[in-house]
Amino acid sequence: MIYSLYIISEGGIAVYSKNFVRASLDEQLISGFLLAVGNFAKEAVGSGLKKIEMQTGEQLLIYYDETLKLSIAALTGAQDHPKLILNILQDILDKFNTAFNKKSIQIGNLGDTSKFDSEITTLLKDKTAKRDKKRFILALILGSVILAFLYLLFWENLVNLLSLFIPQMGTLFDEGKYIEMIFVFGEFSFNLEFILIVCFIPSTLLAGYLAGSRKKGKLLGLIFFLFAIGSSISLIIIFYDNEPILLFAFLFFLMLLIYVPLVLITSITFSYLGGLIRDRRKLYPIPPEKAID
């Protein structure tokens, strides 16, 4: 969500501004502030100003174009990704340079800016996506459908894997061959890990992207992880309903060695990555109570 935009000349004069919320800052006040802080940054550390973060999380991001000798600043929400904002600011500055001639920009007399106002509004609308409950539920449903489809795709592999592994483990357990059990369990774990990774990466990545944010992506990843545990335990119990001690030990080590370090990390990481990709592509919408009608 971009609250306000300011295009500032090299001399620190605001030549253009646009507000998208009711509460806004004076354009000359903000331009003077940025000029003063920017000059301080250059003097102190030899670098220009790029970002100022408020205590409440809001950000003031600044992009400077060496060729145009113009700066553009945006006051944004805390959740918006800085790289996305800077890319948008660069696009806006390029459009601004095309829309107005150099002389009018230099003197700050742009005339009628309504056409450019609508151009910016359209650009930001195309770059904005909602993150509401409906989209979260849609992400959960579609991600679950893909995960279930991939499970079914590998169903025969899972059945064969369990059909061979569980009787073999039972035989080795009865014979007291515990060292061999470790190697058999290791081979089974490797094959199961491959199937789980193939199933979880696309489903959680898509779910996180559709949910639209990193925070919601992590929550979806945890939900899919719990789904994986429940479905796998049910499948194993169906295949092996005797020797409860062996079954309990098997499930314990399966959760400890495979699901917690692998499936949990994979699920949360890729759902978070999906949300991050969306955050890098789309802005958060301005809350209705703050937006200008």
Protein backbone atom coordinates (compact mmCIF):
# COMPACT_ATOMS: atom_id res chain seq x y z
CA MET A 1 0.00 0.00 0.00
CA ILE A 2 1.46 3.32 -1.04
CA TYR A 3 0.02 6.16 1.03
CA SER A 4 1.75 9.11 -0.64
CA LEU A 5 4.09 9.84 -3.54
CA TYR A 6 6.52 12.75 -3.90
CA ILE A 7 8.72 13.59 -6.88
CA ILE A 8 11.49 15.96 -5.85
CA SER A 9 13.93 18.00 -7.92
CA GLU A 10 17.67 18.01 -7.25
CA GLY A 11 17.25 21.31 -5.43
CA GLY A 12 14.80 19.75 -2.96
CA ILE A 13 11.58 21.16 -4.43
CA ALA A 14 8.55 18.88 -4.66
CA VAL A 15 7.49 19.14 -8.31
CA TYR A 16 4.72 16.55 -8.01
CA SER A 17 2.85 14.78 -5.25
CA LYS A 18 -0.14 12.47 -4.89
CA ASN A 19 -1.90 11.21 -1.80
CA PHE A 20 -3.94 8.01 -1.64
CA VAL A 21 -5.08 8.35 1.98
CA ARG A 22 -6.93 11.09 3.86
CA ALA A 23 -4.07 11.87 6.24
CA SER A 24 -1.05 13.20 4.34
CA LEU A 25 2.14 15.20 4.79
CA ASP A 26 2.88 18.60 3.31
CA GLU A 27 4.86 18.02 0.09
CA GLN A 28 7.37 20.81 0.68
CA LEU A 29 7.87 19.67 4.27
CA ILE A 30 8.70 16.13 3.17
CA SER A 31 10.94 17.30 0.32
CA GLY A 32 12.91 19.59 2.63
CA PHE A 33 13.24 16.82 5.18
CA LEU A 34 14.53 14.35 2.58
CA LEU A 35 17.00 16.88 1.20
CA ALA A 36 18.39 17.59 4.67
CA VAL A 37 18.64 13.94 5.72
CA GLY A 38 20.01 12.94 2.31
CA ASN A 39 22.74 15.56 2.47
CA PHE A 40 23.62 14.41 5.98
CA ALA A 41 23.89 10.80 4.80
CA LYS A 42 26.21 11.82 1.95
CA GLU A 43 28.39 13.87 4.29
CA ALA A 44 28.47 11.28 7.07
CA VAL A 45 28.88 8.01 5.19
CA GLY A 46 29.22 9.03 1.54
CA SER A 47 25.99 7.33 0.51
CA GLY A 48 22.54 8.49 -0.51
CA LEU A 49 19.34 7.94 1.43
CA LYS A 50 17.24 4.92 0.45
CA LYS A 51 14.90 4.00 3.29
CA ILE A 52 13.57 5.40 6.56
CA GLU A 53 11.53 3.14 8.83
CA MET A 54 9.06 4.49 11.36
CA GLN A 55 8.51 3.04 14.82
CA THR A 56 5.05 1.90 13.73
CA GLY A 57 6.59 -0.02 10.81
CA GLU A 58 5.66 2.33 7.96
CA GLN A 59 8.44 2.99 5.49
CA LEU A 60 9.61 6.02 3.57
CA LEU A 61 11.44 4.70 0.50
CA ILE A 62 13.45 6.91 -1.85
CA TYR A 63 14.69 6.24 -5.37
CA TYR A 64 17.09 8.67 -7.09
CA ASP A 65 17.58 8.71 -10.87
CA GLU A 66 21.06 9.90 -11.82
CA THR A 67 20.05 10.61 -15.43
CA LEU A 68 16.90 12.58 -14.67
CA LYS A 69 18.34 14.19 -11.54
CA LEU A 70 15.05 13.52 -9.78
CA SER A 71 14.12 11.71 -6.58
CA ILE A 72 10.86 9.96 -5.92
CA ALA A 73 9.74 9.05 -2.41
CA ALA A 74 6.84 6.91 -1.23
CA LEU A 75 5.32 6.52 2.20
CA THR A 76 4.24 2.88 2.39
CA GLY A 77 2.83 0.29 4.75
CA ALA A 78 5.00 -1.93 6.92
CA GLN A 79 4.18 -5.13 5.02
CA ASP A 80 5.11 -3.95 1.53
CA HIS A 81 8.37 -5.36 0.20
CA PRO A 82 11.01 -2.61 -0.28
CA LYS A 83 12.32 -4.06 -3.56
CA LEU A 84 8.82 -4.04 -5.07
CA ILE A 85 8.30 -0.44 -3.96
CA LEU A 86 11.62 0.69 -5.46
CA ASN A 87 10.81 -1.01 -8.77
CA ILE A 88 7.43 0.73 -8.86
CA LEU A 89 9.01 4.08 -8.04
CA GLN A 90 11.45 3.65 -10.90
CA ASP A 91 8.55 2.89 -13.28
CA ILE A 92 6.62 5.94 -12.08
CA LEU A 93 9.63 8.21 -12.53
CA ASP A 94 10.16 6.94 -16.08
CA LYS A 95 6.49 7.60 -16.89
CA PHE A 96 6.75 11.03 -15.26
CA ASN A 97 9.69 11.97 -17.46
CA THR A 98 7.74 10.86 -20.54
CA ALA A 99 4.54 12.70 -19.54
CA PHE A 100 6.13 16.11 -18.87
CA ASN A 101 8.83 18.09 -20.64
CA LYS A 102 12.14 18.80 -18.96
CA LYS A 103 11.61 22.55 -18.67
CA SER A 104 8.26 22.27 -16.90
CA ILE A 105 9.77 19.73 -14.50
CA GLN A 106 12.69 22.04 -13.70
CA ILE A 107 10.49 24.99 -12.81
CA GLY A 108 7.89 22.81 -11.11
CA ASN A 109 5.03 24.03 -13.30
CA LEU A 110 3.44 20.89 -14.69
CA GLY A 111 0.02 22.30 -15.47
CA ASP A 112 -2.83 19.78 -15.50
CA THR A 113 -1.62 16.54 -13.87
CA SER A 114 -4.97 14.71 -13.82
CA LYS A 115 -3.97 12.45 -16.71
CA PHE A 116 -0.77 11.43 -14.93
CA ASP A 117 -2.72 10.96 -11.67
CA SER A 118 -4.98 8.42 -13.36
CA GLU A 119 -1.97 6.70 -14.95
CA ILE A 120 -0.39 6.19 -11.52
CA THR A 121 -3.68 4.97 -10.07
CA THR A 122 -3.97 2.38 -12.84
CA LEU A 123 -0.35 1.27 -12.39
CA LEU A 124 -0.77 0.81 -8.63
CA LYS A 125 -4.09 -0.98 -9.06
CA ASP A 126 -2.41 -3.53 -11.34
CA LYS A 127 0.30 -3.98 -8.72
CA THR A 128 -2.08 -4.51 -5.78
CA ALA A 129 -3.59 -7.77 -4.51
CA LYS A 130 -5.89 -8.44 -1.57
CA ARG A 131 -4.92 -10.83 1.22
CA ASP A 132 -8.24 -11.65 2.83
CA LYS A 133 -9.83 -14.75 4.37
CA LYS A 134 -11.40 -15.84 1.09
CA ARG A 135 -8.02 -15.99 -0.62
CA PHE A 136 -6.52 -17.82 2.35
CA ILE A 137 -9.28 -20.45 2.18
CA LEU A 138 -8.84 -20.69 -1.60
CA ALA A 139 -5.10 -21.21 -1.13
CA LEU A 140 -5.76 -23.91 1.49
CA ILE A 141 -8.26 -25.71 -0.76
CA LEU A 142 -6.19 -25.60 -3.96
CA GLY A 143 -2.99 -26.51 -2.13
CA SER A 144 -4.76 -29.46 -0.49
CA VAL A 145 -6.18 -30.60 -3.82
CA ILE A 146 -2.73 -30.55 -5.42
CA LEU A 147 -1.20 -32.34 -2.43
CA ALA A 148 -3.93 -35.00 -2.52
CA PHE A 149 -3.49 -35.40 -6.28
CA LEU A 150 0.26 -35.91 -5.89
CA TYR A 151 -0.36 -38.38 -3.06
CA LEU A 152 -2.64 -40.35 -5.39
CA LEU A 153 -0.05 -40.11 -8.14
CA PHE A 154 2.50 -41.74 -5.85
CA TRP A 155 -0.04 -43.99 -4.13
CA GLU A 156 1.25 -47.19 -5.72
CA ASN A 157 4.81 -46.27 -4.76
CA LEU A 158 3.73 -45.63 -1.16
CA VAL A 159 1.81 -48.90 -0.99
CA ASN A 160 4.74 -50.90 -2.39
CA LEU A 161 7.14 -49.12 -0.06
CA LEU A 162 5.08 -49.91 3.03
CA SER A 163 4.20 -53.44 1.86
CA LEU A 164 7.89 -54.32 1.61
CA PHE A 165 9.17 -52.34 4.55
CA ILE A 166 6.76 -53.18 7.38
CA PRO A 167 6.95 -57.01 7.11
CA GLN A 168 10.74 -56.78 6.76
CA MET A 169 10.98 -54.65 9.90
CA GLY A 170 8.72 -57.06 11.76
CA THR A 171 10.90 -60.03 10.81
CA LEU A 172 14.12 -58.26 11.81
CA PHE A 173 12.52 -57.16 15.10
CA ASP A 174 11.46 -60.72 15.96
CA GLU A 175 14.98 -61.98 15.16
CA GLY A 176 16.63 -59.25 17.22
CA LYS A 177 18.60 -57.87 14.26
CA TYR A 178 18.49 -54.27 15.42
CA ILE A 179 21.53 -53.04 13.46
CA GLU A 180 20.01 -54.29 10.23
CA MET A 181 16.78 -52.60 11.19
CA ILE A 182 18.59 -49.26 11.24
CA PHE A 183 19.86 -49.72 7.68
CA VAL A 184 16.47 -50.88 6.44
CA PHE A 185 14.82 -47.91 8.13
CA GLY A 186 17.40 -45.57 6.54
CA GLU A 187 16.68 -46.88 3.05
CA PHE A 188 12.94 -46.59 3.64
CA SER A 189 13.36 -43.05 4.97
CA PHE A 190 15.30 -41.95 1.90
CA ASN A 191 12.62 -43.25 -0.47
CA LEU A 192 9.82 -41.75 1.60
CA GLU A 193 11.62 -38.40 1.81
CA PHE A 194 11.86 -38.22 -1.98
CA ILE A 195 8.11 -38.84 -2.38
CA LEU A 196 7.21 -36.30 0.29
CA ILE A 197 9.45 -33.59 -1.18
CA VAL A 198 7.95 -34.09 -4.64
CA CYS A 199 4.44 -33.85 -3.15
CA PHE A 200 4.98 -30.94 -0.79
CA ILE A 201 7.10 -28.48 -2.78
CA PRO A 202 4.57 -27.59 -5.52
CA SER A 203 1.49 -27.73 -3.28
CA THR A 204 2.90 -25.54 -0.50
CA LEU A 205 4.62 -23.15 -2.92
CA LEU A 206 1.34 -22.53 -4.76
CA ALA A 207 -0.66 -22.27 -1.53
CA GLY A 208 1.74 -19.69 -0.11
CA TYR A 209 1.61 -17.68 -3.33
CA LEU A 210 -2.19 -17.70 -3.46
CA ALA A 211 -2.43 -16.76 0.22
CA GLY A 212 -0.40 -13.74 -0.77
CA SER A 213 1.96 -13.15 2.14
CA ARG A 214 4.91 -14.65 3.99
CA LYS A 215 3.05 -14.76 7.32
CA LYS A 216 0.04 -16.59 5.90
CA GLY A 217 2.39 -18.83 3.92
CA LYS A 218 4.03 -20.05 7.11
CA LEU A 219 0.64 -20.77 8.66
CA LEU A 220 -0.39 -22.80 5.60
CA GLY A 221 2.89 -24.70 5.75
CA LEU A 222 2.13 -25.74 9.34
CA ILE A 223 -1.40 -26.83 8.37
CA PHE A 224 -0.08 -28.98 5.50
CA PHE A 225 2.51 -30.48 7.86
CA LEU A 226 -0.22 -31.55 10.30
CA PHE A 227 -2.19 -32.97 7.38
CA ALA A 228 0.85 -35.01 6.32
CA ILE A 229 1.30 -36.45 9.81
CA GLY A 230 -2.37 -37.41 10.14
CA SER A 231 -2.62 -39.01 6.71
CA SER A 232 0.65 -40.91 7.05
CA ILE A 233 -0.14 -42.28 10.50
CA SER A 234 -3.53 -43.43 9.25
CA LEU A 235 -1.95 -45.14 6.24
CA ILE A 236 0.67 -46.92 8.35
CA ILE A 237 -1.91 -48.14 10.91
CA ILE A 238 -4.03 -49.53 8.07
CA PHE A 239 -1.05 -51.48 6.76
CA TYR A 240 0.24 -52.66 10.11
CA ASP A 241 -2.36 -53.27 12.80
CA ASN A 242 -0.46 -55.76 14.99
CA GLU A 243 2.71 -55.56 17.10
CA PRO A 244 1.71 -52.26 18.77
CA ILE A 245 5.15 -51.79 20.39
CA LEU A 246 6.94 -52.02 17.03
CA LEU A 247 4.33 -49.79 15.43
CA PHE A 248 4.71 -47.15 18.13
CA ALA A 249 8.51 -47.21 17.87
CA PHE A 250 8.34 -46.97 14.09
CA LEU A 251 5.95 -44.01 14.19
CA PHE A 252 8.06 -42.27 16.83
CA PHE A 253 11.25 -42.48 14.78
CA LEU A 254 9.37 -41.64 11.60
CA MET A 255 8.13 -38.38 13.14
CA LEU A 256 11.46 -37.63 14.80
CA LEU A 257 13.80 -38.37 11.90
CA ILE A 258 11.71 -37.60 8.81
CA TYR A 259 8.65 -35.49 9.46
CA VAL A 260 9.93 -32.92 11.94
CA PRO A 261 13.30 -32.10 10.31
CA LEU A 262 12.25 -32.66 6.69
CA VAL A 263 8.53 -32.28 6.04
CA LEU A 264 8.02 -29.46 8.54
CA ILE A 265 10.98 -27.47 7.17
CA THR A 266 10.05 -28.18 3.55
CA SER A 267 6.39 -27.30 4.07
CA ILE A 268 6.99 -24.03 5.92
CA THR A 269 9.96 -22.98 3.77
CA PHE A 270 8.23 -23.35 0.43
CA SER A 271 4.90 -21.93 1.57
CA TYR A 272 6.86 -18.97 2.97
CA LEU A 273 8.73 -18.72 -0.34
CA GLY A 274 5.41 -18.68 -2.22
CA GLY A 275 4.21 -15.83 -0.01
CA LEU A 276 7.51 -14.00 -0.51
CA ILE A 277 7.20 -14.26 -4.29
CA ARG A 278 3.72 -12.73 -4.06
CA ASP A 279 5.00 -9.99 -1.74
CA ARG A 280 7.69 -9.20 -4.30
CA ARG A 281 5.06 -8.92 -7.07
CA LYS A 282 2.05 -7.29 -5.43
CA LEU A 283 1.37 -4.46 -2.98
CA TYR A 284 -0.98 -4.70 -0.04
CA PRO A 285 -4.24 -2.74 -0.52
CA ILE A 286 -4.91 0.44 1.41
CA PRO A 287 -7.38 -0.19 4.26
CA PRO A 288 -10.84 1.12 3.26
CA GLU A 289 -11.00 3.39 6.32
CA LYS A 290 -7.84 5.22 5.19
CA ALA A 291 -8.40 5.35 1.44
CA ILE A 292 -9.63 8.47 -0.32
CA ASP A 293 -13.05 7.84 -1.83
